[in-house]
Amino acid sequence: MNMKIERVDDIPLLLSLFDQSNLSALINECFSTHGLWEGADFGTLGTVFLSYVLSCCDRRLSHVEIVY
């Protein structure tokens, strides 16, 4: 008997939970895009970023540099 162990990753799980809760649509209602914006909307970008931050289990801002 051969057993195959597959890892259940957390990013697809988080993305499906965000999709079920319509988080992308809520973000799009709160933040409007510029008229010349091309590409993914803010809701999609927000859910992908949130899933990345929650997947890393590190919510510190030490890796983010703010440049003015």
PDB file of N, CA and C in Angstrom:
ATOM      1  N   MET A   1       0.832  -1.163   0.000  1.00  0.00           N
ATOM      2  CA  MET A   1       0.000   0.000   0.000  1.00  0.00           C
ATOM      3  C   MET A   1       0.889   1.243   0.000  1.00  0.00           C
ATOM      4  N   ASN A   2       0.705   2.076  -0.997  1.00  0.00           N
ATOM      5  CA  ASN A   2       1.458   3.317  -1.089  1.00  0.00           C
ATOM      6  C   ASN A   2       0.583   4.469  -0.613  1.00  0.00           C
ATOM      7  N   MET A   3       1.161   5.281   0.215  1.00  0.00           N
ATOM      8  CA  MET A   3       0.438   6.442   0.712  1.00  0.00           C
ATOM      9  C   MET A   3       1.091   7.694   0.146  1.00  0.00           C
ATOM     10  N   LYS A   4       0.277   8.606  -0.259  1.00  0.00           N
ATOM     11  CA  LYS A   4       0.765   9.877  -0.761  1.00  0.00           C
ATOM     12  C   LYS A   4       0.268  10.972   0.170  1.00  0.00           C
ATOM     13  N   ILE A   5       1.198  11.728   0.732  1.00  0.00           N
ATOM     14  CA  ILE A   5       0.844  12.798   1.653  1.00  0.00           C
ATOM     15  C   ILE A   5       0.877  14.106   0.886  1.00  0.00           C
ATOM     16  N   GLU A   6      -0.237  14.803   0.906  1.00  0.00           N
ATOM     17  CA  GLU A   6      -0.317  16.093   0.241  1.00  0.00           C
ATOM     18  C   GLU A   6      -0.514  17.181   1.282  1.00  0.00           C
ATOM     19  N   ARG A   7       0.225  18.235   1.099  1.00  0.00           N
ATOM     20  CA  ARG A   7       0.137  19.351   2.028  1.00  0.00           C
ATOM     21  C   ARG A   7      -1.042  20.237   1.639  1.00  0.00           C
ATOM     22  N   VAL A   8      -1.850  20.570   2.613  1.00  0.00           N
ATOM     23  CA  VAL A   8      -2.941  21.510   2.391  1.00  0.00           C
ATOM     24  C   VAL A   8      -2.408  22.875   2.788  1.00  0.00           C
ATOM     25  N   ASP A   9      -2.185  23.718   1.798  1.00  0.00           N
ATOM     26  CA  ASP A   9      -1.591  25.013   2.069  1.00  0.00           C
ATOM     27  C   ASP A   9      -2.656  25.996   2.509  1.00  0.00           C
ATOM     28  N   ASP A  10      -2.234  27.043   3.178  1.00  0.00           N
ATOM     29  CA  ASP A  10      -3.199  27.979   3.736  1.00  0.00           C
ATOM     30  C   ASP A  10      -3.602  29.083   2.771  1.00  0.00           C
ATOM     31  N   ILE A  11      -2.814  29.383   1.762  1.00  0.00           N
ATOM     32  CA  ILE A  11      -3.161  30.470   0.840  1.00  0.00           C
ATOM     33  C   ILE A  11      -4.429  30.154   0.041  1.00  0.00           C
ATOM     34  N   PRO A  12      -4.573  28.968  -0.563  1.00  0.00           N
ATOM     35  CA  PRO A  12      -5.849  28.684  -1.242  1.00  0.00           C
ATOM     36  C   PRO A  12      -7.045  28.681  -0.289  1.00  0.00           C
ATOM     37  N   LEU A  13      -6.828  28.242   0.934  1.00  0.00           N
ATOM     38  CA  LEU A  13      -7.901  28.254   1.923  1.00  0.00           C
ATOM     39  C   LEU A  13      -8.311  29.683   2.253  1.00  0.00           C
ATOM     40  N   LEU A  14      -7.333  30.561   2.482  1.00  0.00           N
ATOM     41  CA  LEU A  14      -7.639  31.959   2.782  1.00  0.00           C
ATOM     42  C   LEU A  14      -8.333  32.643   1.610  1.00  0.00           C
ATOM     43  N   LEU A  15      -7.848  32.391   0.392  1.00  0.00           N
ATOM     44  CA  LEU A  15      -8.466  33.008  -0.783  1.00  0.00           C
ATOM     45  C   LEU A  15      -9.906  32.546  -0.973  1.00  0.00           C
ATOM     46  N   SER A  16     -10.177  31.275  -0.700  1.00  0.00           N
ATOM     47  CA  SER A  16     -11.558  30.793  -0.837  1.00  0.00           C
ATOM     48  C   SER A  16     -12.452  31.385   0.251  1.00  0.00           C
ATOM     49  N   LEU A  17     -11.927  31.567   1.467  1.00  0.00           N
ATOM     50  CA  LEU A  17     -12.714  32.202   2.528  1.00  0.00           C
ATOM     51  C   LEU A  17     -12.996  33.666   2.197  1.00  0.00           C
ATOM     52  N   PHE A  18     -11.999  34.357   1.646  1.00  0.00           N
ATOM     53  CA  PHE A  18     -12.214  35.750   1.243  1.00  0.00           C
ATOM     54  C   PHE A  18     -13.224  35.831   0.103  1.00  0.00           C
ATOM     55  N   ASP A  19     -13.187  34.842  -0.784  1.00  0.00           N
ATOM     56  CA  ASP A  19     -14.130  34.827  -1.903  1.00  0.00           C
ATOM     57  C   ASP A  19     -15.558  34.567  -1.417  1.00  0.00           C
ATOM     58  N   GLN A  20     -15.721  33.668  -0.462  1.00  0.00           N
ATOM     59  CA  GLN A  20     -17.043  33.369   0.069  1.00  0.00           C
ATOM     60  C   GLN A  20     -17.638  34.556   0.824  1.00  0.00           C
ATOM     61  N   SER A  21     -16.782  35.357   1.438  1.00  0.00           N
ATOM     62  CA  SER A  21     -17.281  36.495   2.214  1.00  0.00           C
ATOM     63  C   SER A  21     -17.383  37.776   1.395  1.00  0.00           C
ATOM     64  N   ASN A  22     -17.107  37.700   0.088  1.00  0.00           N
ATOM     65  CA  ASN A  22     -17.178  38.865  -0.811  1.00  0.00           C
ATOM     66  C   ASN A  22     -16.311  40.017  -0.335  1.00  0.00           C
ATOM     67  N   LEU A  23     -15.143  39.697   0.186  1.00  0.00           N
ATOM     68  CA  LEU A  23     -14.240  40.730   0.677  1.00  0.00           C
ATOM     69  C   LEU A  23     -13.749  41.620  -0.454  1.00  0.00           C
ATOM     70  N   SER A  24     -13.531  41.043  -1.617  1.00  0.00           N
ATOM     71  CA  SER A  24     -13.069  41.817  -2.766  1.00  0.00           C
ATOM     72  C   SER A  24     -14.083  42.881  -3.159  1.00  0.00           C
ATOM     73  N   ALA A  25     -15.358  42.531  -3.156  1.00  0.00           N
ATOM     74  CA  ALA A  25     -16.401  43.501  -3.499  1.00  0.00           C
ATOM     75  C   ALA A  25     -16.517  44.590  -2.440  1.00  0.00           C
ATOM     76  N   LEU A  26     -16.340  44.227  -1.177  1.00  0.00           N
ATOM     77  CA  LEU A  26     -16.392  45.225  -0.106  1.00  0.00           C
ATOM     78  C   LEU A  26     -15.241  46.213  -0.216  1.00  0.00           C
ATOM     79  N   ILE A  27     -14.063  45.725  -0.541  1.00  0.00           N
ATOM     80  CA  ILE A  27     -12.911  46.616  -0.714  1.00  0.00           C
ATOM     81  C   ILE A  27     -13.140  47.530  -1.905  1.00  0.00           C
ATOM     82  N   ASN A  28     -13.695  46.987  -2.990  1.00  0.00           N
ATOM     83  CA  ASN A  28     -13.957  47.811  -4.171  1.00  0.00           C
ATOM     84  C   ASN A  28     -15.013  48.882  -3.904  1.00  0.00           C
ATOM     85  N   GLU A  29     -15.967  48.613  -3.004  1.00  0.00           N
ATOM     86  CA  GLU A  29     -16.964  49.624  -2.655  1.00  0.00           C
ATOM     87  C   GLU A  29     -16.346  50.766  -1.857  1.00  0.00           C
ATOM     88  N   CYS A  30     -15.378  50.449  -1.020  1.00  0.00           N
ATOM     89  CA  CYS A  30     -14.773  51.467  -0.155  1.00  0.00           C
ATOM     90  C   CYS A  30     -13.717  52.297  -0.867  1.00  0.00           C
ATOM     91  N   PHE A  31     -12.982  51.699  -1.791  1.00  0.00           N
ATOM     92  CA  PHE A  31     -11.886  52.385  -2.463  1.00  0.00           C
ATOM     93  C   PHE A  31     -12.144  52.402  -3.961  1.00  0.00           C
ATOM     94  N   SER A  32     -12.179  53.585  -4.530  1.00  0.00           N
ATOM     95  CA  SER A  32     -12.378  53.686  -5.978  1.00  0.00           C
ATOM     96  C   SER A  32     -11.031  53.809  -6.674  1.00  0.00           C
ATOM     97  N   THR A  33     -10.963  53.289  -7.872  1.00  0.00           N
ATOM     98  CA  THR A  33      -9.720  53.348  -8.634  1.00  0.00           C
ATOM     99  C   THR A  33      -9.675  54.609  -9.473  1.00  0.00           C
ATOM    100  N   HIS A  34      -8.494  54.984  -9.849  1.00  0.00           N
ATOM    101  CA  HIS A  34      -8.289  56.140 -10.713  1.00  0.00           C
ATOM    102  C   HIS A  34      -8.796  55.795 -12.109  1.00  0.00           C
ATOM    103  N   GLY A  35      -9.181  56.804 -12.871  1.00  0.00           N
ATOM    104  CA  GLY A  35      -9.719  56.572 -14.207  1.00  0.00           C
ATOM    105  C   GLY A  35      -8.740  55.927 -15.168  1.00  0.00           C
ATOM    106  N   LEU A  36      -7.447  56.113 -14.942  1.00  0.00           N
ATOM    107  CA  LEU A  36      -6.433  55.534 -15.825  1.00  0.00           C
ATOM    108  C   LEU A  36      -5.857  54.228 -15.284  1.00  0.00           C
ATOM    109  N   TRP A  37      -6.455  53.693 -14.229  1.00  0.00           N
ATOM    110  CA  TRP A  37      -5.956  52.457 -13.617  1.00  0.00           C
ATOM    111  C   TRP A  37      -6.159  51.290 -14.563  1.00  0.00           C
ATOM    112  N   GLU A  38      -5.099  50.513 -14.766  1.00  0.00           N
ATOM    113  CA  GLU A  38      -5.172  49.300 -15.579  1.00  0.00           C
ATOM    114  C   GLU A  38      -4.706  48.127 -14.739  1.00  0.00           C
ATOM    115  N   GLY A  39      -5.292  46.992 -14.955  1.00  0.00           N
ATOM    116  CA  GLY A  39      -4.882  45.807 -14.225  1.00  0.00           C
ATOM    117  C   GLY A  39      -5.923  45.379 -13.215  1.00  0.00           C
ATOM    118  N   ALA A  40      -5.457  44.654 -12.213  1.00  0.00           N
ATOM    119  CA  ALA A  40      -6.356  44.111 -11.198  1.00  0.00           C
ATOM    120  C   ALA A  40      -6.940  45.229 -10.338  1.00  0.00           C
ATOM    121  N   ASP A  41      -8.159  45.026  -9.862  1.00  0.00           N
ATOM    122  CA  ASP A  41      -8.787  46.028  -9.015  1.00  0.00           C
ATOM    123  C   ASP A  41      -8.253  45.938  -7.588  1.00  0.00           C
ATOM    124  N   PHE A  42      -8.606  46.932  -6.775  1.00  0.00           N
ATOM    125  CA  PHE A  42      -8.100  46.994  -5.410  1.00  0.00           C
ATOM    126  C   PHE A  42      -8.582  45.818  -4.568  1.00  0.00           C
ATOM    127  N   GLY A  43      -9.764  45.332  -4.841  1.00  0.00           N
ATOM    128  CA  GLY A  43     -10.282  44.194  -4.079  1.00  0.00           C
ATOM    129  C   GLY A  43      -9.445  42.947  -4.271  1.00  0.00           C
ATOM    130  N   THR A  44      -9.067  42.676  -5.508  1.00  0.00           N
ATOM    131  CA  THR A  44      -8.223  41.512  -5.793  1.00  0.00           C
ATOM    132  C   THR A  44      -6.845  41.683  -5.176  1.00  0.00           C
ATOM    133  N   LEU A  45      -6.272  42.860  -5.329  1.00  0.00           N
ATOM    134  CA  LEU A  45      -4.953  43.123  -4.759  1.00  0.00           C
ATOM    135  C   LEU A  45      -4.991  43.045  -3.236  1.00  0.00           C
ATOM    136  N   GLY A  46      -6.059  43.549  -2.646  1.00  0.00           N
ATOM    137  CA  GLY A  46      -6.182  43.514  -1.192  1.00  0.00           C
ATOM    138  C   GLY A  46      -6.306  42.111  -0.636  1.00  0.00           C
ATOM    139  N   THR A  47      -7.099  41.273  -1.286  1.00  0.00           N
ATOM    140  CA  THR A  47      -7.261  39.906  -0.798  1.00  0.00           C
ATOM    141  C   THR A  47      -5.975  39.097  -0.968  1.00  0.00           C
ATOM    142  N   VAL A  48      -5.271  39.315  -2.061  1.00  0.00           N
ATOM    143  CA  VAL A  48      -4.000  38.607  -2.257  1.00  0.00           C
ATOM    144  C   VAL A  48      -2.980  39.070  -1.222  1.00  0.00           C
ATOM    145  N   PHE A  49      -2.921  40.378  -0.956  1.00  0.00           N
ATOM    146  CA  PHE A  49      -1.988  40.889   0.046  1.00  0.00           C
ATOM    147  C   PHE A  49      -2.334  40.382   1.441  1.00  0.00           C
ATOM    148  N   LEU A  50      -3.613  40.390   1.793  1.00  0.00           N
ATOM    149  CA  LEU A  50      -4.014  39.884   3.106  1.00  0.00           C
ATOM    150  C   LEU A  50      -3.713  38.401   3.270  1.00  0.00           C
ATOM    151  N   SER A  51      -3.922  37.617   2.224  1.00  0.00           N
ATOM    152  CA  SER A  51      -3.607  36.191   2.319  1.00  0.00           C
ATOM    153  C   SER A  51      -2.107  35.973   2.466  1.00  0.00           C
ATOM    154  N   TYR A  52      -1.297  36.819   1.810  1.00  0.00           N
ATOM    155  CA  TYR A  52       0.160  36.714   1.961  1.00  0.00           C
ATOM    156  C   TYR A  52       0.587  37.055   3.384  1.00  0.00           C
ATOM    157  N   VAL A  53       0.048  38.146   3.931  1.00  0.00           N
ATOM    158  CA  VAL A  53       0.429  38.572   5.283  1.00  0.00           C
ATOM    159  C   VAL A  53      -0.003  37.529   6.309  1.00  0.00           C
ATOM    160  N   LEU A  54      -1.213  37.012   6.179  1.00  0.00           N
ATOM    161  CA  LEU A  54      -1.688  36.005   7.122  1.00  0.00           C
ATOM    162  C   LEU A  54      -0.949  34.685   6.957  1.00  0.00           C
ATOM    163  N   SER A  55      -0.497  34.382   5.764  1.00  0.00           N
ATOM    164  CA  SER A  55       0.237  33.141   5.529  1.00  0.00           C
ATOM    165  C   SER A  55       1.633  33.198   6.135  1.00  0.00           C
ATOM    166  N   CYS A  56       2.238  34.378   6.128  1.00  0.00           N
ATOM    167  CA  CYS A  56       3.589  34.519   6.687  1.00  0.00           C
ATOM    168  C   CYS A  56       3.592  34.452   8.209  1.00  0.00           C
ATOM    169  N   CYS A  57       2.451  34.660   8.839  1.00  0.00           N
ATOM    170  CA  CYS A  57       2.324  34.677  10.299  1.00  0.00           C
ATOM    171  C   CYS A  57       3.234  35.718  10.919  1.00  0.00           C
ATOM    172  N   ASP A  58       3.500  36.781  10.187  1.00  0.00           N
ATOM    173  CA  ASP A  58       4.355  37.852  10.686  1.00  0.00           C
ATOM    174  C   ASP A  58       3.692  39.169  10.312  1.00  0.00           C
ATOM    175  N   ARG A  59       3.080  39.812  11.273  1.00  0.00           N
ATOM    176  CA  ARG A  59       2.314  41.019  10.978  1.00  0.00           C
ATOM    177  C   ARG A  59       3.087  42.296  11.311  1.00  0.00           C
ATOM    178  N   ARG A  60       4.411  42.167  11.500  1.00  0.00           N
ATOM    179  CA  ARG A  60       5.224  43.344  11.796  1.00  0.00           C
ATOM    180  C   ARG A  60       5.475  44.124  10.511  1.00  0.00           C
ATOM    181  N   LEU A  61       5.704  45.399  10.647  1.00  0.00           N
ATOM    182  CA  LEU A  61       5.994  46.251   9.503  1.00  0.00           C
ATOM    183  C   LEU A  61       7.496  46.487   9.355  1.00  0.00           C
ATOM    184  N   SER A  62       8.308  45.598   9.905  1.00  0.00           N
ATOM    185  CA  SER A  62       9.755  45.822   9.864  1.00  0.00           C
ATOM    186  C   SER A  62      10.315  45.682   8.446  1.00  0.00           C
ATOM    187  N   HIS A  63       9.655  44.946   7.578  1.00  0.00           N
ATOM    188  CA  HIS A  63      10.153  44.749   6.220  1.00  0.00           C
ATOM    189  C   HIS A  63       9.620  45.787   5.250  1.00  0.00           C
ATOM    190  N   VAL A  64       8.774  46.672   5.726  1.00  0.00           N
ATOM    191  CA  VAL A  64       8.171  47.689   4.865  1.00  0.00           C
ATOM    192  C   VAL A  64       8.880  49.005   5.095  1.00  0.00           C
ATOM    193  N   GLU A  65       9.355  49.610   4.024  1.00  0.00           N
ATOM    194  CA  GLU A  65      10.026  50.892   4.127  1.00  0.00           C
ATOM    195  C   GLU A  65       9.132  51.960   3.508  1.00  0.00           C
ATOM    196  N   ILE A  66       8.846  52.981   4.256  1.00  0.00           N
ATOM    197  CA  ILE A  66       8.008  54.062   3.771  1.00  0.00           C
ATOM    198  C   ILE A  66       8.916  55.190   3.308  1.00  0.00           C
ATOM    199  N   VAL A  67       8.802  55.557   2.047  1.00  0.00           N
ATOM    200  CA  VAL A  67       9.639  56.603   1.475  1.00  0.00           C
ATOM    201  C   VAL A  67       8.747  57.783   1.149  1.00  0.00           C
ATOM    202  N   TYR A  68       9.108  58.956   1.642  1.00  0.00           N
ATOM    203  CA  TYR A  68       8.333  60.164   1.362  1.00  0.00           C
ATOM    204  C   TYR A  68       9.043  61.019   0.360  1.00  0.00           C
TER     205      TYR A  68
END
